[in-house]
Each structure stands twice: as structure tokens, then as C-alpha cells.
C-alpha atoms as a PDB file:
ATOM      1  CA  MET A   1      28.382 184.070 114.977  1.00  0.00           C
ATOM      2  CA  PRO A   2      28.548 183.338 111.569  1.00  0.00           C
ATOM      3  CA  ASP A   3      30.839 180.838 109.947  1.00  0.00           C
ATOM      4  CA  GLY A   4      34.060 181.551 109.165  1.00  0.00           C
ATOM      5  CA  CYS A   5      37.649 182.823 109.808  1.00  0.00           C
ATOM      6  CA  LEU A   6      38.812 185.695 111.864  1.00  0.00           C
ATOM      7  CA  PRO A   7      41.159 187.974 109.432  1.00  0.00           C
ATOM      8  CA  ASP A   8      44.113 187.641 112.012  1.00  0.00           C
ATOM      9  CA  ASN A   9      45.986 185.213 110.662  1.00  0.00           C
ATOM     10  CA  ASN A  10      49.081 186.301 112.629  1.00  0.00           C
ATOM     11  CA  ILE A  11      48.624 183.545 115.496  1.00  0.00           C
ATOM     12  CA  CYS A  12      51.024 180.469 115.855  1.00  0.00           C
ATOM     13  CA  ASN A  13      50.893 177.083 117.745  1.00  0.00           C
ATOM     14  CA  LYS A  14      54.923 177.167 118.745  1.00  0.00           C
ATOM     15  CA  ALA A  15      53.859 173.658 119.960  1.00  0.00           C
ATOM     16  CA  THR A  16      54.032 172.062 116.661  1.00  0.00           C
ATOM     17  CA  PRO A  17      57.765 170.051 115.577  1.00  0.00           C
ATOM     18  CA  ASP A  18      58.879 172.284 112.604  1.00  0.00           C
ATOM     19  CA  LYS A  19      57.912 175.792 114.576  1.00  0.00           C
ATOM     20  CA  THR A  20      56.311 176.998 111.617  1.00  0.00           C
ATOM     21  CA  ASP A  21      52.522 176.901 112.038  1.00  0.00           C
ATOM     22  CA  PHE A  22      50.008 178.952 113.815  1.00  0.00           C
ATOM     23  CA  LEU A  23      46.164 179.374 114.558  1.00  0.00           C
ATOM     24  CA  LYS A  24      43.719 180.077 112.469  1.00  0.00           C
ATOM     25  CA  ILE A  25      40.123 180.840 114.274  1.00  0.00           C
ATOM     26  CA  CYS A  26      37.504 180.260 112.908  1.00  0.00           C
ATOM     27  CA  TYR A  27      33.459 179.379 113.470  1.00  0.00           C
ATOM     28  CA  LYS A  28      31.631 176.342 112.451  1.00  0.00           C
ATOM     29  CA  ASP A  29      27.887 176.087 112.505  1.00  0.00           C
ATOM     30  CA  GLY A  30      28.646 179.013 115.234  1.00  0.00           C
ATOM     31  CA  ASP A  31      31.058 176.855 117.219  1.00  0.00           C
ATOM     32  CA  LEU A  32      34.770 177.998 117.556  1.00  0.00           C
ATOM     33  CA  SER A  33      37.398 175.330 116.040  1.00  0.00           C
ATOM     34  CA  LEU A  34      40.935 175.437 115.382  1.00  0.00           C
ATOM     35  CA  ILE A  35      42.416 175.481 111.586  1.00  0.00           C
ATOM     36  CA  LEU A  36      46.230 175.264 111.297  1.00  0.00           C
ATOM     37  CA  ASP A  37      47.649 177.020 108.306  1.00  0.00           C
ATOM     38  CA  ASN A  38      51.888 177.884 107.327  1.00  0.00           C
ATOM     39  CA  CYS A  39      52.891 180.956 108.377  1.00  0.00           C
ATOM     40  CA  GLN A  40      53.722 182.858 105.442  1.00  0.00           C
ATOM     41  CA  ASN A  41      57.294 182.902 103.173  1.00  0.00           C
ATOM     42  CA  GLY A  42      59.844 184.605 105.051  1.00  0.00           C
ATOM     43  CA  PHE A  43      58.187 184.125 108.153  1.00  0.00           C
ATOM     44  CA  ILE A  44      58.936 182.038 111.761  1.00  0.00           C
ATOM     45  CA  CYS A  45      57.063 181.043 114.865  1.00  0.00           C
ATOM     46  CA  LYS A  46      58.399 182.986 117.834  1.00  0.00           C
ATOM     47  CA  ASN A  47      56.708 183.664 121.231  1.00  0.00           C
ATOM     48  CA  GLY A  48      53.284 182.611 119.413  1.00  0.00           C
ATOM     49  CA  VAL A  49      52.980 185.371 116.493  1.00  0.00           C
ATOM     50  CA  CYS A  50      54.496 184.568 112.734  1.00  0.00           C
ATOM     51  CA  VAL A  51      56.906 186.936 112.642  1.00  0.00           C
ATOM     52  CA  PRO A  52      60.013 187.970 109.620  1.00  0.00           C
ATOM     53  CA  ASP A  53      62.627 185.139 110.129  1.00  0.00           C
ATOM     54  CA  THR A  54      65.674 187.038 110.960  1.00  0.00           C
ATOM     55  CA  CYS A  55      67.519 183.818 111.513  1.00  0.00           C
ATOM     56  CA  GLY A  56      70.541 185.349 114.467  1.00  0.00           C
ATOM     57  CA  LYS A  57      70.044 188.981 113.554  1.00  0.00           C
ATOM     58  CA  SER A  58      68.741 189.272 117.421  1.00  0.00           C
ATOM     59  CA  GLY A  59      72.332 188.880 118.360  1.00  0.00           C
ATOM     60  CA  ASP A  60      71.613 184.986 119.769  1.00  0.00           C
ATOM     61  CA  GLY A  61      73.096 183.377 117.188  1.00  0.00           C
ATOM     62  CA  ASN A  62      70.063 180.949 116.739  1.00  0.00           C
ATOM     63  CA  CYS A  63      68.295 180.180 113.873  1.00  0.00           C
ATOM     64  CA  GLU A  64      64.640 178.450 113.858  1.00  0.00           C
ATOM     65  CA  THR A  65      64.779 177.861 109.866  1.00  0.00           C
ATOM     66  CA  SER A  66      67.519 178.778 107.498  1.00  0.00           C
ATOM     67  CA  PRO A  67      69.071 181.525 106.353  1.00  0.00           C
ATOM     68  CA  GLU A  68      67.782 183.164 103.139  1.00  0.00           C
ATOM     69  CA  GLY A  69      69.895 181.952 100.276  1.00  0.00           C
ATOM     70  CA  TYR A  70      70.925 178.825 103.112  1.00  0.00           C
ATOM     71  CA  LYS A  71      69.609 175.079 103.246  1.00  0.00           C
ATOM     72  CA  ILE A  72      69.813 172.845 105.906  1.00  0.00           C
ATOM     73  CA  CYS A  73      72.081 169.080 105.394  1.00  0.00           C
ATOM     74  CA  PRO A  74      70.635 166.382 106.138  1.00  0.00           C
ATOM     75  CA  ASP A  75      68.256 167.410 103.234  1.00  0.00           C
ATOM     76  CA  LYS A  76      64.821 165.770 103.200  1.00  0.00           C
ATOM     77  CA  ASP A  77      65.501 162.677 100.504  1.00  0.00           C
ATOM     78  CA  ASN A  78      68.187 161.547 103.301  1.00  0.00           C
ATOM     79  CA  PRO A  79      67.348 162.040 106.834  1.00  0.00           C
ATOM     80  CA  ASN A  80      69.541 161.237 109.264  1.00  0.00           C
ATOM     81  CA  ASP A  81      69.847 162.468 113.076  1.00  0.00           C
ATOM     82  CA  TYR A  82      73.476 163.592 112.790  1.00  0.00           C
ATOM     83  CA  ASP A  83      73.902 167.222 113.505  1.00  0.00           C
ATOM     84  CA  PRO A  84      72.651 169.641 110.998  1.00  0.00           C
ATOM     85  CA  VAL A  85      74.935 171.991 109.148  1.00  0.00           C
ATOM     86  CA  ILE A  86      73.983 175.227 107.145  1.00  0.00           C
ATOM     87  CA  CYS A  87      75.139 175.414 103.534  1.00  0.00           C
ATOM     88  CA  LYS A  88      74.393 177.220 100.701  1.00  0.00           C
ATOM     89  CA  LYS A  89      71.250 176.682  98.242  1.00  0.00           C
ATOM     90  CA  ASN A  90      73.490 176.090  95.457  1.00  0.00           C
ATOM     91  CA  ALA A  91      76.095 173.421  97.447  1.00  0.00           C
ATOM     92  CA  GLU A  92      74.604 169.997  98.040  1.00  0.00           C
ATOM     93  CA  CYS A  93      74.394 168.243 101.334  1.00  0.00           C
ATOM     94  CA  GLY A  94      76.558 165.329 102.259  1.00  0.00           C
ATOM     95  CA  TYR A  95      76.633 162.505 104.659  1.00  0.00           C
ATOM     96  CA  SER A  96      79.032 160.231 106.181  1.00  0.00           C
ATOM     97  CA  TYR A  97      77.749 157.007 108.563  1.00  0.00           C
ATOM     98  CA  LEU A  98      81.249 155.958 108.909  1.00  0.00           C
ATOM     99  CA  LYS A  99      81.874 159.482 110.415  1.00  0.00           C
ATOM    100  CA  GLY A 100      78.101 160.352 111.641  1.00  0.00           C
ATOM    101  CA  VAL A 101      78.649 163.951 110.243  1.00  0.00           C
ATOM    102  CA  ASN A 102      76.952 165.874 107.611  1.00  0.00           C
ATOM    103  CA  TYR A 103      78.471 168.322 105.505  1.00  0.00           C
ATOM    104  CA  CYS A 104      78.093 170.682 102.733  1.00  0.00           C
ATOM    105  CA  ILE A 105      79.480 169.562  98.890  1.00  0.00           C
ATOM    106  CA  GLU A 106      80.052 172.747  97.023  1.00  0.00           C
ATOM    107  CA  ASN A 107      79.974 173.301  93.520  1.00  0.00           C
ATOM    108  CA  SER A 108      80.701 175.762  90.698  1.00  0.00           C
ATOM    109  CA  ASN A 109      77.153 176.779  91.268  1.00  0.00           C
ATOM    110  CA  SER A 110      77.952 177.487  95.374  1.00  0.00           C
ATOM    111  CA  CYS A 111      81.506 178.204  94.873  1.00  0.00           C
ATOM    112  CA  PRO A 112      82.005 180.677  91.400  1.00  0.00           C
ATOM    113  CA  GLU A 113      85.591 181.459  90.773  1.00  0.00           C
ATOM    114  CA  PRO A 114      87.442 183.515  89.863  1.00  0.00           C
ATOM    115  CA  SER A 115      86.899 185.234  93.420  1.00  0.00           C
ATOM    116  CA  ASN A 116      86.850 181.805  94.728  1.00  0.00           C
ATOM    117  CA  LYS A 117      88.356 178.762  94.487  1.00  0.00           C
ATOM    118  CA  LEU A 118      86.517 175.272  94.419  1.00  0.00           C
ATOM    119  CA  CYS A 119      89.171 172.953  96.480  1.00  0.00           C
ATOM    120  CA  ILE A 120      87.636 169.588  95.391  1.00  0.00           C
ATOM    121  CA  GLY A 121      88.271 166.222  97.337  1.00  0.00           C
ATOM    122  CA  THR A 122      87.358 162.809  96.885  1.00  0.00           C
ATOM    123  CA  ILE A 123      84.992 163.003 100.011  1.00  0.00           C
ATOM    124  CA  THR A 124      83.238 166.291  99.759  1.00  0.00           C
ATOM    125  CA  ASN A 125      84.395 169.708  97.797  1.00  0.00           C
ATOM    126  CA  ILE A 126      84.800 172.931  99.502  1.00  0.00           C
ATOM    127  CA  CYS A 127      84.641 176.815  98.531  1.00  0.00           C
ATOM    128  CA  CYS A 128      88.251 179.079  99.442  1.00  0.00           C
ATOM    129  CA  PRO A 129      87.606 183.091  99.583  1.00  0.00           C
ATOM    130  CA  GLY A 130      90.255 184.261  97.083  1.00  0.00           C
ATOM    131  CA  GLY A 131      93.687 183.989  97.089  1.00  0.00           C
ATOM    132  CA  LEU A 132      93.362 181.142  99.351  1.00  0.00           C
ATOM    133  CA  GLY A 133      95.365 177.717  98.058  1.00  0.00           C
ATOM    134  CA  CYS A 134      93.936 174.122  97.713  1.00  0.00           C
ATOM    135  CA  GLU A 135      95.030 170.573  99.563  1.00  0.00           C
ATOM    136  CA  THR A 136      93.910 167.411 100.233  1.00  0.00           C
ATOM    137  CA  SER A 137      94.416 165.125 103.380  1.00  0.00           C
ATOM    138  CA  TYR A 138      92.581 161.424 103.112  1.00  0.00           C
ATOM    139  CA  GLY A 139      90.526 162.816 100.389  1.00  0.00           C
ATOM    140  CA  VAL A 140      89.225 165.907 102.479  1.00  0.00           C
ATOM    141  CA  PRO A 141      90.102 169.556 100.848  1.00  0.00           C
ATOM    142  CA  PHE A 142      90.961 172.622 103.006  1.00  0.00           C
ATOM    143  CA  CYS A 143      92.093 175.670 102.680  1.00  0.00           C
ATOM    144  CA  VAL A 144      95.498 176.979 102.709  1.00  0.00           C
ATOM    145  CA  ASN A 145      97.318 180.354 102.942  1.00  0.00           C
ATOM    146  CA  GLU A 146      99.467 179.315 100.260  1.00  0.00           C
ATOM    147  CA  GLY A 147     102.760 181.603 100.047  1.00  0.00           C
ATOM    148  CA  LYS A 148     101.880 183.858 102.694  1.00  0.00           C
ATOM    149  CA  CYS A 149     104.200 182.357 105.450  1.00  0.00           C
ATOM    150  CA  GLY A 150     107.671 183.856 105.372  1.00  0.00           C
ATOM    151  CA  VAL A 151     107.098 186.364 102.771  1.00  0.00           C
ATOM    152  CA  ASP A 152     104.240 188.099 104.878  1.00  0.00           C
ATOM    153  CA  SER A 153     104.956 189.410 108.529  1.00  0.00           C
ATOM    154  CA  ASN A 154     100.856 188.989 109.089  1.00  0.00           C
ATOM    155  CA  TYR A 155     101.502 184.775 109.092  1.00  0.00           C
ATOM    156  CA  GLN A 156     103.538 182.817 110.124  1.00  0.00           C
ATOM    157  CA  GLU A 157     104.285 178.896 110.836  1.00  0.00           C
ATOM    158  CA  THR A 158     101.790 177.821 113.557  1.00  0.00           C
ATOM    159  CA  ALA A 159     102.026 174.386 116.299  1.00  0.00           C
ATOM    160  CA  CYS A 160      99.257 172.227 115.142  1.00  0.00           C
ATOM    161  CA  PHE A 161      97.396 170.868 118.296  1.00  0.00           C
ATOM    162  CA  ASN A 162      94.925 167.938 118.049  1.00  0.00           C
ATOM    163  CA  GLU A 163      91.800 167.597 120.371  1.00  0.00           C
ATOM    164  CA  ASP A 164      94.360 165.457 122.941  1.00  0.00           C
ATOM    165  CA  GLY A 165      96.365 168.736 123.114  1.00  0.00           C
ATOM    166  CA  LYS A 166      99.013 166.867 121.494  1.00  0.00           C
ATOM    167  CA  GLU A 167     101.451 168.363 119.002  1.00  0.00           C
ATOM    168  CA  LYS A 168     101.070 167.344 115.201  1.00  0.00           C
ATOM    169  CA  GLY A 169     102.908 169.819 112.654  1.00  0.00           C
ATOM    170  CA  LYS A 170     102.961 172.849 111.825  1.00  0.00           C
ATOM    171  CA  PHE A 171     100.662 174.904 109.481  1.00  0.00           C
ATOM    172  CA  CYS A 172     100.618 178.518 107.864  1.00  0.00           C
ATOM    173  CA  CYS A 173      98.307 180.885 109.616  1.00  0.00           C
ATOM    174  CA  LYS A 174      97.661 184.222 110.794  1.00  0.00           C
ATOM    175  CA  ASN A 175      99.841 185.599 113.749  1.00  0.00           C
ATOM    176  CA  THR A 176      96.314 185.794 115.671  1.00  0.00           C
ATOM    177  CA  GLU A 177      95.602 182.860 115.034  1.00  0.00           C
ATOM    178  CA  THR A 178      96.128 179.016 116.180  1.00  0.00           C
ATOM    179  CA  CYS A 179      96.059 175.511 114.729  1.00  0.00           C
ATOM    180  CA  SER A 180      94.102 173.016 115.703  1.00  0.00           C
ATOM    181  CA  ILE A 181      93.365 169.676 114.038  1.00  0.00           C
ATOM    182  CA  LYS A 182      89.754 167.998 113.231  1.00  0.00           C
ATOM    183  CA  SER A 183      89.777 164.989 112.055  1.00  0.00           C
ATOM    184  CA  GLY A 184      93.400 165.330 110.943  1.00  0.00           C
ATOM    185  CA  ILE A 185      92.577 167.826 108.980  1.00  0.00           C
ATOM    186  CA  LYS A 186      94.644 170.950 110.089  1.00  0.00           C
ATOM    187  CA  ILE A 187      92.366 174.332 110.257  1.00  0.00           C
ATOM    188  CA  CYS A 188      93.137 177.597 111.625  1.00  0.00           C
ATOM    189  CA  GLN A 189      90.919 179.793 113.639  1.00  0.00           C
ATOM    190  CA  PRO A 190      91.402 183.214 115.775  1.00  0.00           C
ATOM    191  CA  LYS A 191      92.687 182.744 119.438  1.00  0.00           C
ATOM    192  CA  ASP A 192      89.771 184.485 120.752  1.00  0.00           C
ATOM    193  CA  GLY A 193      87.460 187.381 120.546  1.00  0.00           C
ATOM    194  CA  ASN A 194      90.427 189.711 120.181  1.00  0.00           C
ATOM    195  CA  SER A 195      91.701 187.857 117.195  1.00  0.00           C
ATOM    196  CA  CYS A 196      88.804 189.807 114.933  1.00  0.00           C
ATOM    197  CA  ASN A 197      89.260 192.956 112.730  1.00  0.00           C
ATOM    198  CA  SER A 198      86.734 194.780 114.538  1.00  0.00           C
ATOM    199  CA  ALA A 199      87.643 197.846 112.247  1.00  0.00           C
ATOM    200  CA  ASP A 200      86.681 196.113 109.097  1.00  0.00           C
ATOM    201  CA  GLY A 201      83.581 195.073 110.491  1.00  0.00           C
ATOM    202  CA  GLU A 202      84.848 191.440 111.414  1.00  0.00           C
ATOM    203  CA  THR A 203      82.624 189.535 114.519  1.00  0.00           C
ATOM    204  CA  PHE A 204      83.581 186.415 116.575  1.00  0.00           C
ATOM    205  CA  CYS A 205      81.976 183.443 116.141  1.00  0.00           C
ATOM    206  CA  GLN A 206      82.416 180.422 118.891  1.00  0.00           C
ATOM    207  CA  GLY A 207      80.669 177.355 119.040  1.00  0.00           C
ATOM    208  CA  VAL A 208      78.175 177.319 121.856  1.00  0.00           C
ATOM    209  CA  ILE A 209      79.849 177.131 125.104  1.00  0.00           C
ATOM    210  CA  SER A 210      79.797 173.216 126.816  1.00  0.00           C
ATOM    211  CA  SER A 211      79.095 171.764 123.911  1.00  0.00           C
ATOM    212  CA  LYS A 212      81.029 169.370 121.633  1.00  0.00           C
ATOM    213  CA  TYR A 213      81.359 172.668 119.621  1.00  0.00           C
ATOM    214  CA  GLU A 214      83.082 175.278 121.747  1.00  0.00           C
ATOM    215  CA  LEU A 215      86.889 174.695 120.376  1.00  0.00           C
ATOM    216  CA  ARG A 216      85.158 175.911 117.520  1.00  0.00           C
ATOM    217  CA  LYS A 217      85.810 179.492 116.715  1.00  0.00           C
ATOM    218  CA  ARG A 218      86.005 181.728 113.552  1.00  0.00           C
ATOM    219  CA  CYS A 219      85.824 185.084 112.742  1.00  0.00           C
ATOM    220  CA  CYS A 220      82.700 186.354 110.027  1.00  0.00           C
ATOM    221  CA  GLU A 221      83.264 189.173 107.554  1.00  0.00           C
ATOM    222  CA  LYS A 222      81.536 192.081 107.260  1.00  0.00           C
ATOM    223  CA  GLY A 223      77.578 191.711 105.446  1.00  0.00           C
ATOM    224  CA  THR A 224      77.746 188.110 107.774  1.00  0.00           C
ATOM    225  CA  GLU A 225      76.600 186.747 110.953  1.00  0.00           C
ATOM    226  CA  CYS A 226      77.322 184.000 113.419  1.00  0.00           C
ATOM    227  CA  ILE A 227      74.961 181.098 113.390  1.00  0.00           C
ATOM    228  CA  ASN A 228      75.942 178.892 116.303  1.00  0.00           C
ATOM    229  CA  LYS A 229      72.549 176.988 117.233  1.00  0.00           C
ATOM    230  CA  TYR A 230      69.793 175.598 114.523  1.00  0.00           C
ATOM    231  CA  GLN A 231      66.547 175.756 116.460  1.00  0.00           C
ATOM    232  CA  ASN A 232      68.405 176.393 119.557  1.00  0.00           C
ATOM    233  CA  LYS A 233      70.358 173.114 119.582  1.00  0.00           C
ATOM    234  CA  PRO A 234      74.338 173.720 119.130  1.00  0.00           C
ATOM    235  CA  ILE A 235      75.431 173.384 115.652  1.00  0.00           C
ATOM    236  CA  TYR A 236      78.843 173.685 114.387  1.00  0.00           C
ATOM    237  CA  PRO A 237      79.566 177.429 113.675  1.00  0.00           C
ATOM    238  CA  ALA A 238      78.318 179.313 110.403  1.00  0.00           C
ATOM    239  CA  CYS A 239      79.351 183.003 109.185  1.00  0.00           C
ATOM    240  CA  VAL A 240      75.809 183.521 106.902  1.00  0.00           C
ATOM    241  CA  LYS A 241      75.151 187.254 104.813  1.00  0.00           C
ATOM    242  CA  ILE A 242      72.271 188.928 106.060  1.00  0.00           C
END
């Protein structure tokens, strides 16, 4: 057998930690040898083969690598053991040793106005879709349905409950939503899958059942998909553009 590599570079070694290596089958001095190389850009390793990175488009909500236009935080300059989060590529990665979490820090590039509103806090910044207001609590910003309650019949003042099931004030949410409190911040989220407007192409996105994210729910708008696992490990659910 002459020296050289076989032309089929599509076989990958799924056992590698980052799941992006494939095996080139090569011969040196007539003996079989294996050389590791990477799946080409835009491809990932699944079931031993380099395939296009479809992220969660298979419907299982799992990403092996970050979706196009996004990145996984923490970044490589600040590695830690906290659960990863999916952030826009133009956003920055933030992390808190105190709370043991990674998070996204939006900026004017990742949250262009006027179609969005950059909501600025002392700890992080978030991006609120057009039409939503912005408030902060303990330095953490959150989006609000500004001026909707009492004016729009689709919204109402909703009782908010913390993770212990105790009521802690009210918040303006859609009639199809509940109010939950996370780290002292009030958030509106859908009650269940029937809360999302399927006629407008919305889909229900929930944290992985029996994980610490099970109570986190959201509606993904048309043109986005629900990602609730990264490399098959539960993460805070995200809606990413496809």
C-alpha cells in the first residue's frame, strides 16, 4: 500500500472531548496509522461522522457546538465550572463567582436600537425587544411590559411566586403567563405549551425536565428554535435564530 491518506475525511472520532475531531486513515511505510484532524468549519461530529452543524434543528433541543451567530459562555479566557449559556456573538461573557453562574452582557452591537432597547444595570446589560420597558433591581436589569396593564386587555397584574412557592408582589404579564422570581428578579413566562401563539409560529421552550432548569419556560418566536441542552447537559433554555 503506498504512503498517503485515504480521501474520505468524513469519519470522526466521537470520543474526543470537544467532539470535533475526525480520523484520517493514513499509511506510512505501508503500515496503517491514524492522524487526528478537525471537522471542517460548520460541521460537527455525530455518531462517528462529520455532519453539518444543525444544532437543535433535529428537535431534541441539544447543541454540540454553538449555533451560527452565537457563542458559548464562559469564554476561553475565563474558564470555570459553571453551567454554560448561549450568547450572541457580539455580546460579552460575564460570570459571577459569588452566584456561581455565567451570563451574557449585551451591548449596542448585540442589541441594536430602535428595534430593541439596551437595558443597562450595574452587574450586566440585557436586550429588551421593541415595545418593552426596562427596570433594574439590585443592579440587575429586566424587561417590563411598560404601560400594558390597565390599557391592553391581553395583560394583567399577575401574582409572583418565588421558588419556595411564596407570593412576593405582582408584575404585569400577559394573560397566558405566570410570574416567577429568580434571584429576586420578576419574570413573566408561559404557563404551558398552550400559552404560545402557534398561529404566529411560536413554539414552547422549557428547561429540561428533572433538571434545575425545569421551571424555566418561554415562547420562541417564529424563526428561532429552543435550545435547552449543550453537549447533552441541561442549560438555561434559550431561543436562537435559525
